[in-house]
């Protein structure tokens, strides 16, 4: 299993009507990318899943990313998490 980058496009309903979005997410599969998008949009904008419409999911080439944080994360050799006993 390897982590891939997906570009997810869609829209969500806000108090002002439907707003478009485009997100770059890391995920193992396309299904996982959609799930992460529902979680991020729903949490940030307090929108229920039934008010989020996913229109397109595409695997992206890491060289064409626009998110600096995502580029840095993908360039790491390893990630060490400290202080979480549940990871054992």
N, C-alpha and C. Protein backbone atom coordinates (compact mmCIF):
# COMPACT_ATOMS: atom_id res chain seq x y z
N UNK A 1 0.83 -1.19 0.00
CA UNK A 1 0.00 0.00 0.00
C UNK A 1 0.87 1.24 0.00
N UNK A 2 0.54 2.15 -0.85
CA UNK A 2 1.27 3.41 -0.85
C UNK A 2 0.27 4.57 -0.83
N UNK A 3 0.71 5.65 -0.26
CA UNK A 3 -0.14 6.84 -0.17
C UNK A 3 -0.09 7.58 -1.50
N UNK A 4 -1.26 7.95 -1.99
CA UNK A 4 -1.36 8.68 -3.25
C UNK A 4 -2.01 10.03 -2.98
N UNK A 5 -1.92 10.91 -3.94
CA UNK A 5 -2.54 12.23 -3.82
C UNK A 5 -3.72 12.29 -4.77
N UNK A 6 -4.86 12.74 -4.26
CA UNK A 6 -6.07 12.86 -5.06
C UNK A 6 -6.56 14.30 -5.05
N UNK A 7 -7.09 14.73 -6.18
CA UNK A 7 -7.75 16.03 -6.26
C UNK A 7 -9.25 15.75 -6.30
N UNK A 8 -9.95 16.32 -5.32
CA UNK A 8 -11.39 16.10 -5.19
C UNK A 8 -12.10 17.41 -5.48
N UNK A 9 -13.05 17.38 -6.41
CA UNK A 9 -13.83 18.57 -6.76
C UNK A 9 -15.30 18.30 -6.44
N UNK A 10 -15.99 19.37 -6.04
CA UNK A 10 -17.40 19.23 -5.74
C UNK A 10 -17.99 20.54 -5.30
N UNK A 11 -19.12 20.43 -4.60
CA UNK A 11 -19.78 21.62 -4.08
C UNK A 11 -20.51 21.24 -2.79
N UNK A 12 -20.76 22.24 -1.96
CA UNK A 12 -21.52 22.02 -0.74
C UNK A 12 -22.51 23.16 -0.56
N UNK A 13 -23.56 22.87 0.14
CA UNK A 13 -24.60 23.88 0.35
C UNK A 13 -24.32 24.65 1.62
N UNK A 14 -24.29 25.97 1.47
CA UNK A 14 -24.04 26.89 2.57
C UNK A 14 -25.28 27.76 2.72
N UNK A 15 -25.27 28.66 3.67
CA UNK A 15 -26.41 29.55 3.86
C UNK A 15 -26.64 30.46 2.66
N UNK A 16 -25.57 30.70 1.89
CA UNK A 16 -25.66 31.57 0.71
C UNK A 16 -25.92 30.79 -0.58
N UNK A 17 -26.12 29.50 -0.50
CA UNK A 17 -26.33 28.67 -1.69
C UNK A 17 -25.20 27.65 -1.84
N UNK A 18 -25.03 27.13 -3.05
CA UNK A 18 -24.02 26.10 -3.32
C UNK A 18 -22.67 26.75 -3.59
N UNK A 19 -21.63 26.26 -2.91
CA UNK A 19 -20.27 26.76 -3.10
C UNK A 19 -19.39 25.64 -3.63
N UNK A 20 -18.57 25.95 -4.63
CA UNK A 20 -17.66 24.96 -5.21
C UNK A 20 -16.40 24.85 -4.36
N UNK A 21 -15.78 23.66 -4.39
CA UNK A 21 -14.50 23.46 -3.72
C UNK A 21 -13.63 22.54 -4.55
N UNK A 22 -12.34 22.63 -4.28
CA UNK A 22 -11.34 21.77 -4.90
C UNK A 22 -10.28 21.52 -3.83
N UNK A 23 -10.05 20.25 -3.47
CA UNK A 23 -9.11 19.90 -2.41
C UNK A 23 -8.11 18.87 -2.90
N UNK A 24 -6.90 18.96 -2.38
CA UNK A 24 -5.89 17.93 -2.59
C UNK A 24 -5.75 17.18 -1.28
N UNK A 25 -5.96 15.86 -1.33
CA UNK A 25 -5.87 15.05 -0.12
C UNK A 25 -4.98 13.84 -0.37
N UNK A 26 -4.32 13.38 0.68
CA UNK A 26 -3.55 12.13 0.59
C UNK A 26 -4.44 11.00 1.08
N UNK A 27 -4.37 9.88 0.38
CA UNK A 27 -5.21 8.74 0.75
C UNK A 27 -4.65 7.47 0.14
N UNK A 28 -5.09 6.35 0.67
CA UNK A 28 -4.69 5.04 0.16
C UNK A 28 -5.49 4.69 -1.10
N UNK A 29 -6.77 5.08 -1.10
CA UNK A 29 -7.64 4.76 -2.23
C UNK A 29 -8.55 5.94 -2.55
N UNK A 30 -9.24 5.84 -3.66
CA UNK A 30 -10.18 6.88 -4.06
C UNK A 30 -11.32 7.00 -3.03
N UNK A 31 -11.78 5.87 -2.55
CA UNK A 31 -12.84 5.85 -1.53
C UNK A 31 -12.40 6.56 -0.26
N UNK A 32 -11.17 6.34 0.14
CA UNK A 32 -10.60 6.99 1.32
C UNK A 32 -10.48 8.50 1.10
N UNK A 33 -10.15 8.92 -0.11
CA UNK A 33 -10.05 10.35 -0.43
C UNK A 33 -11.41 11.03 -0.31
N UNK A 34 -12.46 10.35 -0.78
CA UNK A 34 -13.81 10.90 -0.67
C UNK A 34 -14.21 11.02 0.80
N UNK A 35 -13.91 9.99 1.58
CA UNK A 35 -14.24 10.01 3.02
C UNK A 35 -13.53 11.16 3.74
N UNK A 36 -12.24 11.36 3.44
CA UNK A 36 -11.50 12.46 4.05
C UNK A 36 -12.10 13.81 3.66
N UNK A 37 -12.53 13.93 2.42
CA UNK A 37 -13.13 15.18 1.95
C UNK A 37 -14.43 15.48 2.69
N UNK A 38 -15.28 14.46 2.84
CA UNK A 38 -16.52 14.64 3.60
C UNK A 38 -16.19 15.11 5.03
N UNK A 39 -15.20 14.50 5.63
CA UNK A 39 -14.82 14.84 7.00
C UNK A 39 -14.30 16.26 7.10
N UNK A 40 -13.41 16.64 6.19
CA UNK A 40 -12.82 17.99 6.23
C UNK A 40 -13.82 19.09 5.93
N UNK A 41 -14.61 18.93 4.89
CA UNK A 41 -15.61 19.94 4.53
C UNK A 41 -16.69 20.03 5.61
N UNK A 42 -17.17 18.88 6.06
CA UNK A 42 -18.20 18.86 7.09
C UNK A 42 -17.73 19.48 8.39
N UNK A 43 -16.50 19.20 8.78
CA UNK A 43 -15.97 19.75 10.02
C UNK A 43 -15.68 21.24 9.94
N UNK A 44 -15.14 21.67 8.84
CA UNK A 44 -14.76 23.08 8.68
C UNK A 44 -15.96 23.99 8.51
N UNK A 45 -16.93 23.54 7.72
CA UNK A 45 -18.08 24.39 7.39
C UNK A 45 -19.36 23.99 8.11
N UNK A 46 -19.29 22.95 8.95
CA UNK A 46 -20.47 22.46 9.68
C UNK A 46 -21.61 22.09 8.73
N UNK A 47 -21.25 21.30 7.73
CA UNK A 47 -22.21 20.88 6.70
C UNK A 47 -22.39 19.36 6.81
N UNK A 48 -23.62 18.90 6.77
CA UNK A 48 -23.88 17.47 6.80
C UNK A 48 -23.50 16.84 5.46
N UNK A 49 -23.19 15.55 5.49
CA UNK A 49 -22.74 14.85 4.28
C UNK A 49 -23.75 14.91 3.14
N UNK A 50 -25.03 14.91 3.47
CA UNK A 50 -26.05 14.95 2.42
C UNK A 50 -26.08 16.27 1.68
N UNK A 51 -25.39 17.30 2.22
CA UNK A 51 -25.32 18.60 1.57
C UNK A 51 -23.98 18.82 0.88
N UNK A 52 -23.18 17.75 0.76
CA UNK A 52 -21.90 17.80 0.05
C UNK A 52 -22.00 16.91 -1.18
N UNK A 53 -21.69 17.46 -2.33
CA UNK A 53 -21.73 16.71 -3.60
C UNK A 53 -20.33 16.59 -4.16
N UNK A 54 -19.84 15.37 -4.26
CA UNK A 54 -18.53 15.11 -4.87
C UNK A 54 -18.76 14.91 -6.37
N UNK A 55 -18.10 15.73 -7.19
CA UNK A 55 -18.31 15.67 -8.64
C UNK A 55 -17.19 14.95 -9.37
N UNK A 56 -15.95 15.01 -8.84
CA UNK A 56 -14.83 14.39 -9.54
C UNK A 56 -13.72 14.05 -8.55
N UNK A 57 -13.13 12.88 -8.71
CA UNK A 57 -11.97 12.46 -7.91
C UNK A 57 -10.93 11.94 -8.89
N UNK A 58 -9.73 12.54 -8.84
CA UNK A 58 -8.65 12.12 -9.75
C UNK A 58 -7.35 11.97 -8.98
N UNK A 59 -6.59 10.95 -9.37
CA UNK A 59 -5.26 10.79 -8.81
C UNK A 59 -4.34 11.82 -9.45
N UNK A 60 -3.56 12.50 -8.63
CA UNK A 60 -2.69 13.58 -9.11
C UNK A 60 -1.23 13.15 -9.08
N UNK A 61 -0.47 13.73 -9.96
CA UNK A 61 0.98 13.55 -9.96
C UNK A 61 1.54 14.44 -8.85
N UNK A 62 2.32 13.90 -7.93
CA UNK A 62 2.87 14.72 -6.83
C UNK A 62 3.65 15.94 -7.31
N UNK A 63 4.17 15.92 -8.51
CA UNK A 63 4.94 17.06 -9.03
C UNK A 63 4.05 18.25 -9.36
N UNK A 64 2.75 18.02 -9.53
CA UNK A 64 1.85 19.11 -9.92
C UNK A 64 1.03 19.67 -8.75
N UNK A 65 1.44 19.38 -7.53
CA UNK A 65 0.68 19.84 -6.36
C UNK A 65 0.83 21.33 -6.13
N UNK A 66 -0.21 21.94 -5.56
CA UNK A 66 -0.16 23.37 -5.24
C UNK A 66 0.00 23.61 -3.73
N UNK A 67 -0.29 22.62 -2.91
CA UNK A 67 -0.19 22.75 -1.46
C UNK A 67 1.25 22.52 -1.00
N UNK A 68 1.88 23.55 -0.44
CA UNK A 68 3.26 23.42 0.03
C UNK A 68 3.38 22.42 1.17
N UNK A 69 2.39 22.40 2.06
CA UNK A 69 2.42 21.46 3.19
C UNK A 69 2.38 20.01 2.71
N UNK A 70 1.56 19.76 1.69
CA UNK A 70 1.44 18.42 1.15
C UNK A 70 2.72 17.98 0.45
N UNK A 71 3.37 18.89 -0.25
CA UNK A 71 4.64 18.60 -0.92
C UNK A 71 5.70 18.24 0.12
N UNK A 72 5.77 19.00 1.20
CA UNK A 72 6.74 18.72 2.25
C UNK A 72 6.45 17.39 2.93
N UNK A 73 5.19 17.10 3.18
CA UNK A 73 4.82 15.84 3.82
C UNK A 73 5.20 14.64 2.96
N UNK A 74 4.98 14.74 1.66
CA UNK A 74 5.30 13.63 0.76
C UNK A 74 6.80 13.44 0.56
N UNK A 75 7.58 14.49 0.84
CA UNK A 75 9.02 14.38 0.65
C UNK A 75 9.73 13.75 1.86
N UNK A 76 9.02 13.51 2.95
CA UNK A 76 9.63 12.93 4.14
C UNK A 76 9.99 11.46 3.92
N UNK A 77 11.10 11.05 4.51
CA UNK A 77 11.48 9.63 4.46
C UNK A 77 10.68 8.83 5.46
N UNK A 78 10.48 9.41 6.65
CA UNK A 78 9.67 8.75 7.67
C UNK A 78 9.06 9.81 8.58
N UNK A 79 7.99 9.43 9.25
CA UNK A 79 7.28 10.33 10.15
C UNK A 79 7.25 9.68 11.52
N UNK A 80 7.70 10.40 12.52
CA UNK A 80 7.74 9.89 13.90
C UNK A 80 6.70 10.63 14.71
N UNK A 81 5.81 9.87 15.36
CA UNK A 81 4.77 10.45 16.21
C UNK A 81 5.14 10.14 17.66
N UNK A 82 5.25 11.18 18.47
CA UNK A 82 5.62 11.01 19.87
C UNK A 82 4.42 11.31 20.77
N UNK A 83 4.36 10.58 21.89
CA UNK A 83 3.37 10.90 22.91
C UNK A 83 2.02 10.24 22.73
N UNK A 84 1.87 9.31 21.81
CA UNK A 84 0.59 8.64 21.64
C UNK A 84 0.78 7.15 21.95
N UNK A 85 0.33 6.74 23.11
CA UNK A 85 0.53 5.36 23.56
C UNK A 85 -0.33 4.36 22.78
N UNK A 86 -1.39 4.80 22.13
CA UNK A 86 -2.30 3.90 21.43
C UNK A 86 -1.71 3.37 20.12
N UNK A 87 -0.60 3.89 19.65
CA UNK A 87 -0.01 3.47 18.38
C UNK A 87 0.77 2.16 18.48
N UNK A 88 0.98 1.66 19.65
CA UNK A 88 1.76 0.42 19.81
C UNK A 88 1.08 -0.78 19.29
